[in-house]
Amino acid sequence: MAFAKLKSAWRQHRHAADRVRLLFAVGFVFGALSHFGWVAVHGVFHHGPAPAWAVWFWYGLCALDFVIAWLLLARP
């Protein structure tokens, strides 16, 4: 029910800026999910030639990506 209302409101009141925000939000979520996919293939703490702290840096960026995507959609 709520999704149907959101879909109709989005369709009626969409502007170019809304489409750009949605595109960026999808990009942030795609980036975070693709990193988690890379982690699933290579292991949770694999950092290759990078320093060990780089793992936690990237996890922090992934968490931030989800927050940014939510903010882009929730607070225009």
Protein backbone atom coordinates (compact mmCIF):
# COMPACT_ATOMS: atom_id res chain seq x y z
CA MET A 1 0.00 0.00 0.00
CA ALA A 2 2.68 2.49 1.00
CA PHE A 3 4.82 1.49 -1.96
CA ALA A 4 1.92 2.13 -4.34
CA LYS A 5 1.48 5.65 -2.91
CA LEU A 6 5.19 6.32 -3.18
CA LYS A 7 5.26 5.06 -6.77
CA SER A 8 2.34 7.25 -7.85
CA ALA A 9 3.73 10.31 -6.09
CA TRP A 10 7.13 9.73 -7.65
CA ARG A 11 5.60 9.41 -11.11
CA GLN A 12 3.53 12.61 -10.80
CA HIS A 13 5.99 14.95 -9.12
CA ARG A 14 9.33 13.86 -10.58
CA HIS A 15 11.80 16.52 -11.69
CA ALA A 16 15.21 16.23 -13.34
CA ALA A 17 16.90 16.77 -9.97
CA ASP A 18 14.94 13.83 -8.55
CA ARG A 19 16.18 11.57 -11.31
CA VAL A 20 19.77 12.66 -10.71
CA ARG A 21 19.42 12.04 -6.96
CA LEU A 22 17.99 8.59 -7.64
CA LEU A 23 20.82 7.80 -10.05
CA PHE A 24 23.44 8.82 -7.50
CA ALA A 25 21.69 6.86 -4.73
CA VAL A 26 21.61 3.73 -6.89
CA GLY A 27 25.29 4.29 -7.71
CA PHE A 28 26.26 4.48 -4.04
CA VAL A 29 24.32 1.31 -3.22
CA PHE A 30 25.79 -0.50 -6.24
CA GLY A 31 29.31 0.51 -5.17
CA ALA A 32 28.82 -0.75 -1.63
CA LEU A 33 27.23 -4.02 -2.74
CA SER A 34 29.93 -4.66 -5.33
CA HIS A 35 32.57 -4.19 -2.65
CA PHE A 36 30.79 -6.69 -0.42
CA GLY A 37 30.74 -9.07 -3.38
CA TRP A 38 34.49 -8.63 -3.75
CA VAL A 39 34.87 -9.37 -0.04
CA ALA A 40 32.80 -12.54 -0.42
CA VAL A 41 35.18 -13.75 -3.14
CA HIS A 42 38.51 -12.74 -1.54
CA GLY A 43 37.82 -13.03 2.19
CA VAL A 44 36.83 -10.64 4.94
CA PHE A 45 40.30 -9.45 5.94
CA HIS A 46 42.17 -9.68 2.63
CA HIS A 47 44.00 -6.44 1.91
CA GLY A 48 46.62 -7.48 -0.65
CA PRO A 49 49.56 -5.08 -0.77
CA ALA A 50 47.61 -2.39 1.14
CA PRO A 51 48.12 -1.83 4.88
CA ALA A 52 45.91 -3.79 7.28
CA TRP A 53 43.89 -0.70 8.28
CA ALA A 54 42.69 -0.38 4.66
CA VAL A 55 40.13 -3.15 5.26
CA TRP A 56 38.34 -1.14 7.95
CA PHE A 57 38.64 2.03 5.88
CA TRP A 58 36.75 0.38 3.02
CA TYR A 59 34.13 -1.08 5.35
CA GLY A 60 33.58 2.40 6.74
CA LEU A 61 33.17 3.78 3.24
CA CYS A 62 30.64 1.07 2.42
CA ALA A 63 28.59 1.93 5.50
CA LEU A 64 28.81 5.59 4.57
CA ASP A 65 27.62 4.77 1.03
CA PHE A 66 24.37 3.35 2.42
CA VAL A 67 23.88 6.40 4.64
CA ILE A 68 24.49 8.78 1.73
CA ALA A 69 22.05 6.86 -0.49
CA TRP A 70 19.38 7.04 2.21
CA LEU A 71 19.97 10.75 2.72
CA LEU A 72 19.81 11.43 -1.01
CA LEU A 73 16.40 9.78 -1.18
CA ALA A 74 14.96 10.88 2.16
CA ARG A 75 16.13 14.49 2.31
CA PRO A 76 16.15 16.26 -1.01
